[in-house]
N, C-alpha and C. Protein backbone atom coordinates (compact mmCIF):
# COMPACT_ATOMS: atom_id res chain seq x y z
N ILE A 1 -11.53 5.88 -7.80
CA ILE A 1 -10.37 6.29 -6.75
C ILE A 1 -11.00 6.83 -5.68
N VAL A 2 -10.63 5.89 -4.33
CA VAL A 2 -10.98 6.72 -3.30
C VAL A 2 -9.57 6.95 -2.56
N LEU A 3 -9.66 8.32 -2.19
CA LEU A 3 -8.20 9.09 -1.36
C LEU A 3 -8.74 9.06 0.09
N CYS A 4 -8.03 8.49 1.04
CA CYS A 4 -7.99 8.35 2.51
C CYS A 4 -7.42 9.86 2.78
N VAL A 5 -7.82 10.76 3.06
CA VAL A 5 -7.18 11.83 3.43
C VAL A 5 -7.45 12.34 4.88
N GLY A 6 -6.45 12.95 5.61
CA GLY A 6 -6.69 13.65 6.83
C GLY A 6 -6.15 15.25 6.94
N TYR A 7 -5.49 15.51 7.76
CA TYR A 7 -4.75 16.59 8.02
C TYR A 7 -4.25 17.47 6.43
N LEU A 8 -5.15 18.67 6.26
CA LEU A 8 -5.17 19.65 5.33
C LEU A 8 -5.49 18.86 4.06
N GLY A 9 -6.52 17.70 4.06
CA GLY A 9 -7.25 17.19 2.96
C GLY A 9 -8.00 17.88 2.31
N GLU A 10 -8.51 19.06 2.60
CA GLU A 10 -9.38 19.92 1.81
C GLU A 10 -8.52 20.27 0.86
N MET A 11 -7.37 20.62 0.89
CA MET A 11 -6.41 21.07 -0.33
C MET A 11 -6.35 20.08 -1.57
N ILE A 12 -6.36 18.71 -1.24
CA ILE A 12 -6.28 17.78 -2.01
C ILE A 12 -7.62 17.96 -2.75
N VAL A 13 -8.81 17.88 -2.10
CA VAL A 13 -10.19 18.35 -2.95
C VAL A 13 -10.02 19.22 -3.45
N GLU A 14 -9.50 20.26 -3.50
CA GLU A 14 -9.48 21.60 -4.17
C GLU A 14 -8.98 21.35 -5.39
N GLN A 15 -7.74 20.59 -5.28
CA GLN A 15 -6.84 20.63 -6.47
C GLN A 15 -7.44 19.60 -7.34
N TYR A 16 -7.90 18.46 -6.90
CA TYR A 16 -8.22 17.25 -8.03
C TYR A 16 -9.93 17.10 -7.68
N GLY A 17 -10.51 17.70 -7.08
CA GLY A 17 -11.97 17.53 -7.52
C GLY A 17 -12.67 16.18 -7.36
N ASP A 18 -13.36 16.11 -8.47
CA ASP A 18 -14.31 14.62 -8.54
C ASP A 18 -13.34 13.61 -9.49
N GLY A 19 -11.95 14.45 -10.01
CA GLY A 19 -11.21 13.54 -10.89
C GLY A 19 -11.80 13.58 -12.47
N SER A 20 -13.02 14.20 -12.67
CA SER A 20 -13.65 14.42 -14.16
C SER A 20 -12.40 14.90 -15.06
N GLN A 21 -11.69 15.84 -14.66
CA GLN A 21 -10.53 16.60 -15.54
C GLN A 21 -9.84 15.87 -16.36
N TRP A 22 -9.32 14.46 -15.49
CA TRP A 22 -8.59 13.51 -15.86
C TRP A 22 -9.18 12.18 -16.28
N GLY A 23 -10.48 12.14 -16.46
CA GLY A 23 -11.17 11.10 -17.08
C GLY A 23 -11.52 9.90 -15.87
N VAL A 24 -11.19 10.48 -14.60
CA VAL A 24 -11.47 9.20 -13.56
C VAL A 24 -12.51 9.83 -12.62
N GLN A 25 -13.09 8.74 -11.71
CA GLN A 25 -13.96 9.48 -10.71
C GLN A 25 -13.07 9.38 -9.13
N ILE A 26 -13.01 10.29 -8.59
CA ILE A 26 -12.25 10.42 -7.11
C ILE A 26 -13.41 10.47 -6.29
N ASP A 27 -13.13 10.14 -4.98
CA ASP A 27 -14.01 10.18 -3.76
C ASP A 27 -12.93 10.35 -2.95
N TYR A 28 -13.64 10.60 -1.63
CA TYR A 28 -12.58 11.04 -0.59
C TYR A 28 -13.16 10.36 0.57
N SER A 29 -12.25 10.17 1.50
CA SER A 29 -12.88 9.62 2.92
C SER A 29 -11.88 10.27 4.02
N PHE A 30 -12.43 11.06 4.65
CA PHE A 30 -11.81 11.86 5.59
C PHE A 30 -11.69 11.11 7.04
N ASP A 31 -10.39 11.23 7.93
CA ASP A 31 -10.26 10.81 8.95
C ASP A 31 -11.38 11.30 10.11
N GLY A 32 -11.62 12.68 9.77
CA GLY A 32 -12.74 13.14 11.04
C GLY A 32 -11.66 14.23 11.82
N ASP A 33 -12.22 14.21 13.13
CA ASP A 33 -11.25 14.97 13.84
C ASP A 33 -10.10 14.64 14.67
N LYS A 34 -9.90 13.21 14.27
CA LYS A 34 -8.57 12.67 14.67
C LYS A 34 -8.05 12.03 13.57
N LEU A 35 -6.75 11.75 13.41
CA LEU A 35 -6.13 10.92 12.62
C LEU A 35 -6.08 9.80 13.05
N LEU A 36 -6.51 8.89 12.17
CA LEU A 36 -7.09 7.18 12.46
C LEU A 36 -5.99 6.37 12.18
N GLY A 37 -4.90 6.48 11.61
CA GLY A 37 -3.50 5.78 11.26
C GLY A 37 -4.02 5.45 9.69
N THR A 38 -3.12 4.57 9.11
CA THR A 38 -3.31 3.82 7.87
C THR A 38 -4.57 2.95 7.89
N GLY A 39 -4.70 2.25 8.85
CA GLY A 39 -5.76 0.90 8.96
C GLY A 39 -6.83 1.66 9.08
N GLY A 40 -6.86 2.38 10.05
CA GLY A 40 -8.21 3.30 10.66
C GLY A 40 -8.77 3.78 9.60
N ALA A 41 -7.80 4.55 8.52
CA ALA A 41 -8.65 5.37 7.68
C ALA A 41 -9.07 4.44 6.45
N LEU A 42 -8.69 3.40 6.43
CA LEU A 42 -9.21 2.30 5.21
C LEU A 42 -10.37 1.78 5.79
N ILE A 43 -10.53 1.27 7.34
CA ILE A 43 -11.40 0.96 7.84
C ILE A 43 -12.75 2.03 7.74
N ARG A 44 -12.58 3.19 7.89
CA ARG A 44 -13.58 4.28 7.51
C ARG A 44 -14.04 4.36 6.40
N ALA A 45 -13.06 3.92 5.27
CA ALA A 45 -13.49 4.05 3.69
C ALA A 45 -14.33 2.85 3.35
N LEU A 46 -14.20 1.97 4.00
CA LEU A 46 -14.67 0.50 3.92
C LEU A 46 -16.18 0.89 3.05
N PRO A 47 -17.28 1.69 3.26
CA PRO A 47 -18.39 1.70 2.57
C PRO A 47 -18.25 2.51 1.15
N LYS A 48 -17.36 3.03 0.87
CA LYS A 48 -17.05 3.32 -0.54
C LYS A 48 -16.16 2.19 -1.27
N LEU A 49 -15.39 1.48 -1.07
CA LEU A 49 -14.78 0.34 -1.59
C LEU A 49 -15.52 -0.82 -1.62
N GLY A 50 -15.10 -1.72 -2.58
CA GLY A 50 -15.74 -3.06 -2.76
C GLY A 50 -15.25 -4.10 -2.20
N GLU A 51 -15.68 -5.25 -2.54
CA GLU A 51 -15.33 -6.40 -1.61
C GLU A 51 -13.93 -6.76 -1.61
N ALA A 52 -13.13 -6.30 -3.02
CA ALA A 52 -11.62 -6.27 -2.89
C ALA A 52 -10.80 -5.25 -3.36
N PHE A 53 -10.05 -4.70 -2.79
CA PHE A 53 -9.67 -3.37 -3.38
C PHE A 53 -7.96 -3.32 -3.04
N TYR A 54 -7.59 -2.46 -4.11
CA TYR A 54 -5.84 -2.26 -4.17
C TYR A 54 -5.79 -0.99 -2.82
N VAL A 55 -4.44 -1.06 -2.56
CA VAL A 55 -4.11 -0.02 -1.32
C VAL A 55 -2.88 0.56 -2.11
N LEU A 56 -2.79 1.73 -2.15
CA LEU A 56 -1.27 2.21 -2.87
C LEU A 56 -1.09 3.08 -1.68
N TYR A 57 0.03 3.49 -1.55
CA TYR A 57 0.88 4.37 -0.74
C TYR A 57 0.84 5.76 -1.46
N GLY A 58 0.19 6.87 -0.83
CA GLY A 58 0.55 7.93 -1.34
C GLY A 58 1.42 8.77 -1.95
N ASP A 59 2.85 8.14 -1.35
CA ASP A 59 4.33 8.55 -1.47
C ASP A 59 4.99 7.84 -1.85
N SER A 60 4.36 7.25 -3.33
CA SER A 60 5.19 5.87 -3.95
C SER A 60 4.92 6.09 -5.35
N TYR A 61 6.01 5.98 -6.13
CA TYR A 61 5.77 5.58 -7.61
C TYR A 61 6.25 4.14 -7.69
N LEU A 62 5.44 3.31 -8.33
CA LEU A 62 5.45 1.94 -8.50
C LEU A 62 5.37 1.61 -10.04
N PRO A 63 6.67 1.24 -10.41
CA PRO A 63 6.46 0.71 -11.95
C PRO A 63 6.01 -1.07 -11.66
N ILE A 64 4.92 -1.02 -11.80
CA ILE A 64 4.15 -2.56 -11.31
C ILE A 64 3.12 -2.57 -12.42
N ASP A 65 2.84 -4.02 -12.70
CA ASP A 65 1.64 -4.54 -13.48
C ASP A 65 0.40 -4.76 -12.66
N TYR A 66 -0.28 -4.00 -12.30
CA TYR A 66 -1.16 -3.87 -11.16
C TYR A 66 -2.37 -5.20 -11.67
N GLN A 67 -2.63 -5.23 -13.04
CA GLN A 67 -3.51 -6.51 -13.28
C GLN A 67 -2.87 -7.79 -12.81
N ASP A 68 -1.58 -7.93 -13.01
CA ASP A 68 -0.87 -9.31 -12.76
C ASP A 68 -1.03 -9.42 -10.97
N VAL A 69 -0.85 -8.26 -10.43
CA VAL A 69 -0.91 -8.32 -9.00
C VAL A 69 -2.26 -8.36 -8.46
N GLY A 70 -3.30 -8.06 -9.15
CA GLY A 70 -4.52 -8.65 -9.09
C GLY A 70 -5.09 -10.13 -9.22
N ARG A 71 -4.48 -10.32 -10.37
CA ARG A 71 -4.66 -11.53 -10.49
C ARG A 71 -3.97 -12.81 -9.32
N THR A 72 -2.97 -12.33 -9.13
CA THR A 72 -2.30 -13.46 -8.21
C THR A 72 -2.83 -13.27 -6.86
N PHE A 73 -3.31 -12.07 -6.38
CA PHE A 73 -4.16 -11.80 -5.54
C PHE A 73 -5.55 -12.78 -5.49
N LEU A 74 -6.38 -12.68 -6.19
CA LEU A 74 -7.50 -13.37 -6.69
C LEU A 74 -7.10 -14.98 -6.42
N ASP A 75 -6.24 -15.33 -7.24
CA ASP A 75 -5.48 -16.76 -7.40
C ASP A 75 -5.16 -17.29 -5.83
N SER A 76 -4.87 -16.46 -5.32
CA SER A 76 -4.17 -16.92 -3.64
C SER A 76 -5.63 -17.21 -3.03
N GLY A 77 -6.70 -16.66 -3.22
CA GLY A 77 -7.82 -17.09 -2.30
C GLY A 77 -7.54 -16.20 -0.60
N LYS A 78 -6.89 -15.51 -0.28
CA LYS A 78 -6.22 -15.17 1.04
C LYS A 78 -6.89 -13.82 1.16
N LEU A 79 -6.55 -13.25 2.23
CA LEU A 79 -7.49 -12.15 2.72
C LEU A 79 -6.68 -10.98 2.24
N GLY A 80 -5.43 -10.94 2.07
CA GLY A 80 -4.81 -9.66 1.51
C GLY A 80 -3.52 -10.11 0.99
N LEU A 81 -2.64 -9.13 0.07
CA LEU A 81 -1.71 -9.56 -0.67
C LEU A 81 -0.76 -8.35 -0.27
N MET A 82 0.53 -8.65 -0.14
CA MET A 82 1.55 -7.62 -0.09
C MET A 82 2.91 -7.56 -1.26
N THR A 83 2.96 -6.49 -1.99
CA THR A 83 3.97 -6.56 -2.76
C THR A 83 5.21 -6.32 -2.02
N VAL A 84 6.25 -6.78 -2.42
CA VAL A 84 7.60 -6.96 -1.74
C VAL A 84 8.77 -6.84 -2.83
N PHE A 85 9.80 -6.23 -2.39
CA PHE A 85 11.09 -5.93 -2.91
C PHE A 85 12.23 -6.47 -2.37
N LYS A 86 13.23 -6.96 -2.80
CA LYS A 86 14.53 -7.48 -2.07
C LYS A 86 15.42 -6.26 -1.95
N ASN A 87 15.51 -5.87 -0.72
CA ASN A 87 15.78 -4.54 -0.49
C ASN A 87 17.25 -4.42 0.18
N ASN A 88 17.59 -5.60 0.93
CA ASN A 88 18.91 -5.74 1.74
C ASN A 88 19.20 -4.34 2.54
N GLU A 89 18.05 -3.80 3.02
CA GLU A 89 18.49 -2.50 3.79
C GLU A 89 18.83 -1.40 2.96
N ALA A 90 18.59 -1.48 1.48
CA ALA A 90 19.24 -0.28 0.75
C ALA A 90 18.45 0.81 0.94
N TYR A 91 16.93 1.16 0.72
CA TYR A 91 15.98 2.10 0.90
C TYR A 91 15.30 2.49 1.96
N ASP A 92 15.35 1.57 2.73
CA ASP A 92 14.94 1.66 4.26
C ASP A 92 14.83 0.32 4.86
N ALA A 93 14.75 0.10 6.17
CA ALA A 93 14.88 -1.17 6.97
C ALA A 93 14.03 -2.22 6.13
N SER A 94 14.60 -3.42 6.01
CA SER A 94 14.28 -4.63 5.28
C SER A 94 12.87 -5.18 6.67
N ASN A 95 11.73 -5.47 6.17
CA ASN A 95 10.86 -5.55 7.40
C ASN A 95 9.64 -7.17 6.84
N VAL A 96 10.29 -7.90 5.86
CA VAL A 96 9.66 -8.83 5.45
C VAL A 96 10.48 -10.25 5.06
N TRP A 97 10.13 -11.13 5.61
CA TRP A 97 10.76 -12.33 5.27
C TRP A 97 10.07 -13.30 4.50
N PHE A 98 10.69 -13.11 3.02
CA PHE A 98 9.87 -13.71 2.17
C PHE A 98 10.78 -14.58 1.03
N GLU A 99 10.25 -15.76 1.28
CA GLU A 99 10.76 -17.06 1.01
C GLU A 99 10.01 -18.17 0.21
N ASP A 100 10.54 -18.72 -0.78
CA ASP A 100 9.78 -19.55 -1.83
C ASP A 100 8.36 -19.10 -2.27
N GLY A 101 8.25 -17.90 -2.42
CA GLY A 101 7.00 -17.15 -3.25
C GLY A 101 5.94 -16.94 -1.64
N SER A 102 6.54 -16.95 -0.58
CA SER A 102 5.54 -16.80 0.54
C SER A 102 6.16 -15.98 1.72
N ILE A 103 5.04 -14.98 2.34
CA ILE A 103 5.72 -14.22 3.21
C ILE A 103 5.50 -14.79 4.57
N LYS A 104 6.68 -14.76 5.15
CA LYS A 104 6.94 -16.00 6.27
C LYS A 104 6.96 -14.78 7.72
N LEU A 105 7.33 -13.76 7.46
CA LEU A 105 6.90 -12.82 8.69
C LEU A 105 6.90 -11.33 7.86
N TYR A 106 5.93 -10.54 8.61
CA TYR A 106 6.38 -9.01 8.31
C TYR A 106 6.09 -8.38 9.52
N SER A 107 7.34 -7.45 10.07
CA SER A 107 7.01 -6.88 11.29
C SER A 107 7.88 -5.75 11.09
N LYS A 108 7.41 -4.83 11.85
CA LYS A 108 8.33 -3.61 11.93
C LYS A 108 9.30 -3.64 13.39
N THR A 109 9.05 -4.57 14.14
CA THR A 109 9.63 -4.94 15.29
C THR A 109 10.70 -5.88 15.40
N GLU A 110 10.29 -7.07 15.03
CA GLU A 110 11.25 -8.57 14.84
C GLU A 110 12.36 -7.90 14.00
N LYS A 111 13.34 -8.81 13.98
CA LYS A 111 14.43 -8.52 13.00
C LYS A 111 15.04 -9.81 12.79
N PRO A 112 14.72 -10.83 12.44
CA PRO A 112 15.53 -12.03 12.10
C PRO A 112 16.08 -11.79 10.69
N PRO A 113 17.40 -12.53 10.71
CA PRO A 113 18.50 -12.20 9.69
C PRO A 113 17.67 -12.60 8.38
N GLN A 114 16.48 -13.45 8.32
CA GLN A 114 16.15 -13.80 6.81
C GLN A 114 15.20 -12.44 6.45
N MET A 115 14.95 -11.74 7.07
CA MET A 115 14.42 -10.49 6.67
C MET A 115 14.97 -9.40 5.53
N LYS A 116 15.11 -9.54 4.27
CA LYS A 116 15.74 -9.18 3.45
C LYS A 116 15.31 -8.16 2.38
N HIS A 117 13.50 -8.39 2.46
CA HIS A 117 12.57 -7.57 1.77
C HIS A 117 11.82 -6.60 2.23
N ILE A 118 11.42 -5.84 1.71
CA ILE A 118 10.57 -4.71 1.91
C ILE A 118 9.29 -4.54 1.43
N ASP A 119 8.34 -4.19 2.40
CA ASP A 119 6.99 -3.76 1.83
C ASP A 119 6.90 -2.90 0.75
N TYR A 120 6.79 -3.22 -0.69
CA TYR A 120 6.98 -2.28 -1.66
C TYR A 120 5.83 -1.04 -2.00
N GLY A 121 4.93 -1.18 -1.34
CA GLY A 121 3.66 0.08 -1.33
C GLY A 121 2.34 -0.41 -1.82
N LEU A 122 2.28 -1.19 -2.40
CA LEU A 122 0.97 -1.57 -2.88
C LEU A 122 0.43 -3.29 -2.20
N GLY A 123 -0.85 -2.79 -1.88
CA GLY A 123 -1.52 -3.93 -1.31
C GLY A 123 -2.81 -4.53 -1.99
N VAL A 124 -3.15 -5.20 -1.88
CA VAL A 124 -4.62 -5.90 -2.26
C VAL A 124 -5.48 -6.43 -0.95
N PHE A 125 -6.51 -6.15 -0.50
CA PHE A 125 -7.33 -6.65 0.50
C PHE A 125 -8.90 -7.15 0.12
N ARG A 126 -9.18 -8.12 0.82
CA ARG A 126 -10.69 -8.49 1.04
C ARG A 126 -11.33 -7.73 2.06
N ARG A 127 -12.40 -7.09 1.83
CA ARG A 127 -13.09 -6.20 3.14
C ARG A 127 -13.02 -6.95 4.23
N ALA A 128 -13.17 -8.35 4.13
CA ALA A 128 -13.12 -9.46 5.58
C ALA A 128 -11.61 -9.43 6.30
N ALA A 129 -10.66 -8.61 5.55
CA ALA A 129 -9.38 -8.68 6.29
C ALA A 129 -9.56 -7.57 7.41
N PHE A 130 -10.65 -6.50 7.54
CA PHE A 130 -10.77 -5.49 8.65
C PHE A 130 -12.18 -5.61 9.42
N THR A 131 -12.48 -6.96 9.46
CA THR A 131 -13.67 -7.22 10.29
C THR A 131 -13.48 -7.23 11.79
N ASN A 132 -12.26 -7.41 11.99
CA ASN A 132 -12.06 -7.74 13.53
C ASN A 132 -11.55 -6.22 14.15
N TYR A 133 -11.75 -5.13 13.65
CA TYR A 133 -11.18 -3.72 13.80
C TYR A 133 -11.93 -2.89 14.11
N PRO A 134 -12.06 -2.12 15.42
CA PRO A 134 -13.32 -1.19 15.35
C PRO A 134 -12.80 0.14 14.49
N ARG A 135 -14.13 0.54 14.21
CA ARG A 135 -14.49 1.52 13.19
C ARG A 135 -14.04 2.97 14.09
N ASP A 136 -13.41 3.74 13.49
CA ASP A 136 -13.30 4.95 14.10
C ASP A 136 -12.03 5.10 15.22
N ALA A 137 -11.46 3.85 15.23
CA ALA A 137 -10.10 3.86 16.27
C ALA A 137 -9.00 3.94 15.45
N VAL A 138 -7.90 4.28 16.20
CA VAL A 138 -6.46 4.44 15.47
C VAL A 138 -6.16 3.24 15.35
N VAL A 139 -5.80 2.66 14.11
CA VAL A 139 -5.20 1.67 13.58
C VAL A 139 -4.24 1.51 12.48
N ASP A 140 -3.04 0.96 12.63
CA ASP A 140 -2.06 1.06 11.83
C ASP A 140 -2.41 -0.13 10.79
N LEU A 141 -1.89 0.24 9.48
CA LEU A 141 -2.12 -0.89 8.39
C LEU A 141 -1.31 -2.16 8.64
N ALA A 142 -0.02 -1.62 9.15
CA ALA A 142 1.16 -2.68 9.46
C ALA A 142 0.57 -3.57 10.37
N ALA A 143 -0.21 -3.14 11.34
CA ALA A 143 -0.73 -4.17 12.30
C ALA A 143 -1.61 -5.20 11.38
N ILE A 144 -2.32 -4.74 10.71
CA ILE A 144 -3.33 -5.64 10.13
C ILE A 144 -2.41 -6.59 9.22
N GLN A 145 -1.59 -6.26 8.52
CA GLN A 145 -0.85 -6.70 7.60
C GLN A 145 -0.13 -8.15 8.60
N THR A 146 0.48 -7.66 9.42
CA THR A 146 1.20 -8.44 10.50
C THR A 146 0.05 -9.41 10.98
N GLU A 147 -1.11 -9.10 11.29
CA GLU A 147 -1.92 -10.25 11.94
C GLU A 147 -2.18 -11.19 10.75
N LEU A 148 -2.53 -10.58 9.60
CA LEU A 148 -2.91 -11.69 8.45
C LEU A 148 -1.69 -12.45 8.07
N CYS A 149 -0.69 -11.86 8.07
CA CYS A 149 0.71 -12.85 7.97
C CYS A 149 0.80 -13.91 9.13
N ARG A 150 0.55 -13.61 10.19
CA ARG A 150 0.29 -14.86 11.47
C ARG A 150 -0.41 -15.92 11.47
N ARG A 151 -1.64 -15.13 10.62
CA ARG A 151 -2.63 -16.25 10.10
C ARG A 151 -2.65 -16.97 8.90
N GLY A 152 -1.68 -16.85 8.18
CA GLY A 152 -1.40 -17.29 6.74
C GLY A 152 -2.42 -16.67 5.92
N GLU A 153 -3.08 -15.39 6.11
CA GLU A 153 -3.71 -14.78 4.85
C GLU A 153 -3.19 -13.63 4.13
N LEU A 154 -1.85 -13.88 3.96
CA LEU A 154 -1.10 -12.60 3.59
C LEU A 154 -0.24 -12.96 2.47
N ALA A 155 -0.79 -13.14 1.09
CA ALA A 155 0.00 -13.64 -0.07
C ALA A 155 1.15 -12.45 -0.11
N GLY A 156 2.10 -13.00 -1.07
CA GLY A 156 3.41 -12.16 -1.61
C GLY A 156 3.55 -12.21 -2.98
N TYR A 157 3.87 -11.06 -3.60
CA TYR A 157 4.17 -10.77 -4.91
C TYR A 157 5.60 -10.00 -4.93
N GLU A 158 6.56 -10.68 -5.74
CA GLU A 158 7.85 -9.92 -5.48
C GLU A 158 8.25 -9.41 -6.69
N MET A 159 8.49 -7.95 -6.61
CA MET A 159 8.97 -6.99 -7.96
C MET A 159 10.35 -7.39 -7.71
N THR A 160 10.68 -6.75 -8.96
CA THR A 160 12.25 -6.88 -9.27
C THR A 160 12.87 -5.38 -9.73
N GLU A 161 11.78 -4.49 -9.51
CA GLU A 161 12.53 -3.10 -10.17
C GLU A 161 11.92 -2.49 -8.81
N ARG A 162 12.79 -1.46 -8.34
CA ARG A 162 12.57 -0.95 -7.15
C ARG A 162 11.69 0.37 -7.09
N PHE A 163 11.16 0.59 -5.75
CA PHE A 163 9.79 1.70 -5.97
C PHE A 163 10.85 2.93 -5.72
N TYR A 164 9.94 3.90 -5.92
CA TYR A 164 10.68 5.43 -5.86
C TYR A 164 9.70 6.06 -4.58
N GLU A 165 10.44 6.60 -3.72
CA GLU A 165 9.72 7.41 -2.50
C GLU A 165 9.39 8.88 -3.23
N ILE A 166 8.20 9.34 -3.19
CA ILE A 166 8.26 10.28 -3.91
C ILE A 166 7.45 11.50 -2.98
N GLY A 167 7.60 11.41 -1.59
CA GLY A 167 7.03 11.98 -0.39
C GLY A 167 8.07 12.98 0.07
N SER A 168 9.11 13.32 -0.69
CA SER A 168 10.21 14.45 -0.24
C SER A 168 10.79 14.84 -1.40
N PRO A 169 11.30 16.40 -1.59
CA PRO A 169 11.96 16.67 -2.62
C PRO A 169 13.31 15.74 -3.39
N ALA A 170 13.85 15.30 -2.27
CA ALA A 170 14.95 14.38 -2.96
C ALA A 170 14.45 13.06 -3.63
N GLY A 171 13.39 12.70 -2.89
CA GLY A 171 12.85 11.44 -3.86
C GLY A 171 12.31 11.64 -5.09
N LEU A 172 11.42 12.99 -5.26
CA LEU A 172 10.85 13.55 -6.60
C LEU A 172 11.94 13.86 -7.64
N GLN A 173 12.73 14.16 -7.24
CA GLN A 173 14.30 14.51 -7.96
C GLN A 173 14.55 13.20 -8.43
N GLU A 174 14.78 12.25 -7.73
CA GLU A 174 15.19 11.02 -8.05
C GLU A 174 14.58 10.35 -9.19
N LEU A 175 13.12 10.48 -9.10
CA LEU A 175 12.09 9.83 -9.90
C LEU A 175 12.26 10.55 -11.23
N ASP A 176 12.19 12.07 -11.11
CA ASP A 176 12.26 12.69 -12.56
C ASP A 176 13.50 12.35 -12.97
N ALA A 177 14.63 12.30 -12.43
CA ALA A 177 15.62 11.67 -13.50
C ALA A 177 15.70 10.35 -13.91
N ARG A 178 14.90 9.54 -13.40
CA ARG A 178 14.49 8.15 -13.92
C ARG A 178 13.65 8.11 -14.96
N LEU A 179 12.48 9.35 -14.88
CA LEU A 179 11.51 9.09 -16.06
C LEU A 179 12.23 10.02 -17.36
N ARG A 180 12.85 10.95 -16.76
CA ARG A 180 13.50 11.67 -18.19
C ARG A 180 14.63 10.41 -19.06
N ALA A 181 15.23 9.85 -18.00
CA ALA A 181 16.27 8.83 -18.59
C ALA A 181 15.27 7.58 -19.61
N SER A 182 14.22 7.52 -19.09
CA SER A 182 13.47 6.48 -19.74
C SER A 182 11.99 6.83 -19.59
N PRO A 183 11.51 7.89 -20.52
CA PRO A 183 10.48 8.75 -20.53
C PRO A 183 8.99 7.70 -20.35
N ARG A 184 9.15 6.21 -20.86
CA ARG A 184 8.04 5.88 -21.22
C ARG A 184 7.30 5.30 -19.82
N LEU A 185 6.50 5.88 -19.86
CA LEU A 185 5.70 5.52 -18.41
C LEU A 185 5.18 3.88 -18.28
N GLU A 186 5.41 3.64 -17.04
CA GLU A 186 4.89 2.04 -16.94
C GLU A 186 3.67 1.87 -16.56
């Protein structure tokens, strides 16, 4: 596991260390003096990542079959894969046009009526998806994903169960209620 950390990242290292307490190996990639954005943080972490890797947002709980997502990504032959959920503006602004098993458009600025899905919070990428971007520059992962989509290099994987935002007390409360109602972890 490689955690991309920025401001106050030392507190995360202090809390979780190398992960051996949980039977995993954790490594850290720090932004440095300036925050690099989600894409810039990944670019900085590339030396610690393999040829292909998952990217999971740190503020999400996802009831998802990671192996199936990985197989779908490998079978696609594309540089990236985005998991999506039919949102219809329910949990946040819908930002993906997903149709016939394919991502037609991903954009945080364009808003055609076909956008009914949202980025679910798990992506898979090949290292080559990041080669055209400078190291140690501020880069938004959304810009990389948008470019991959425009080039036909972003596969899609549709989820039918919603994601849970856990970056706020209200989101944590909602997930806690869901897990207590059905305690089997997925």
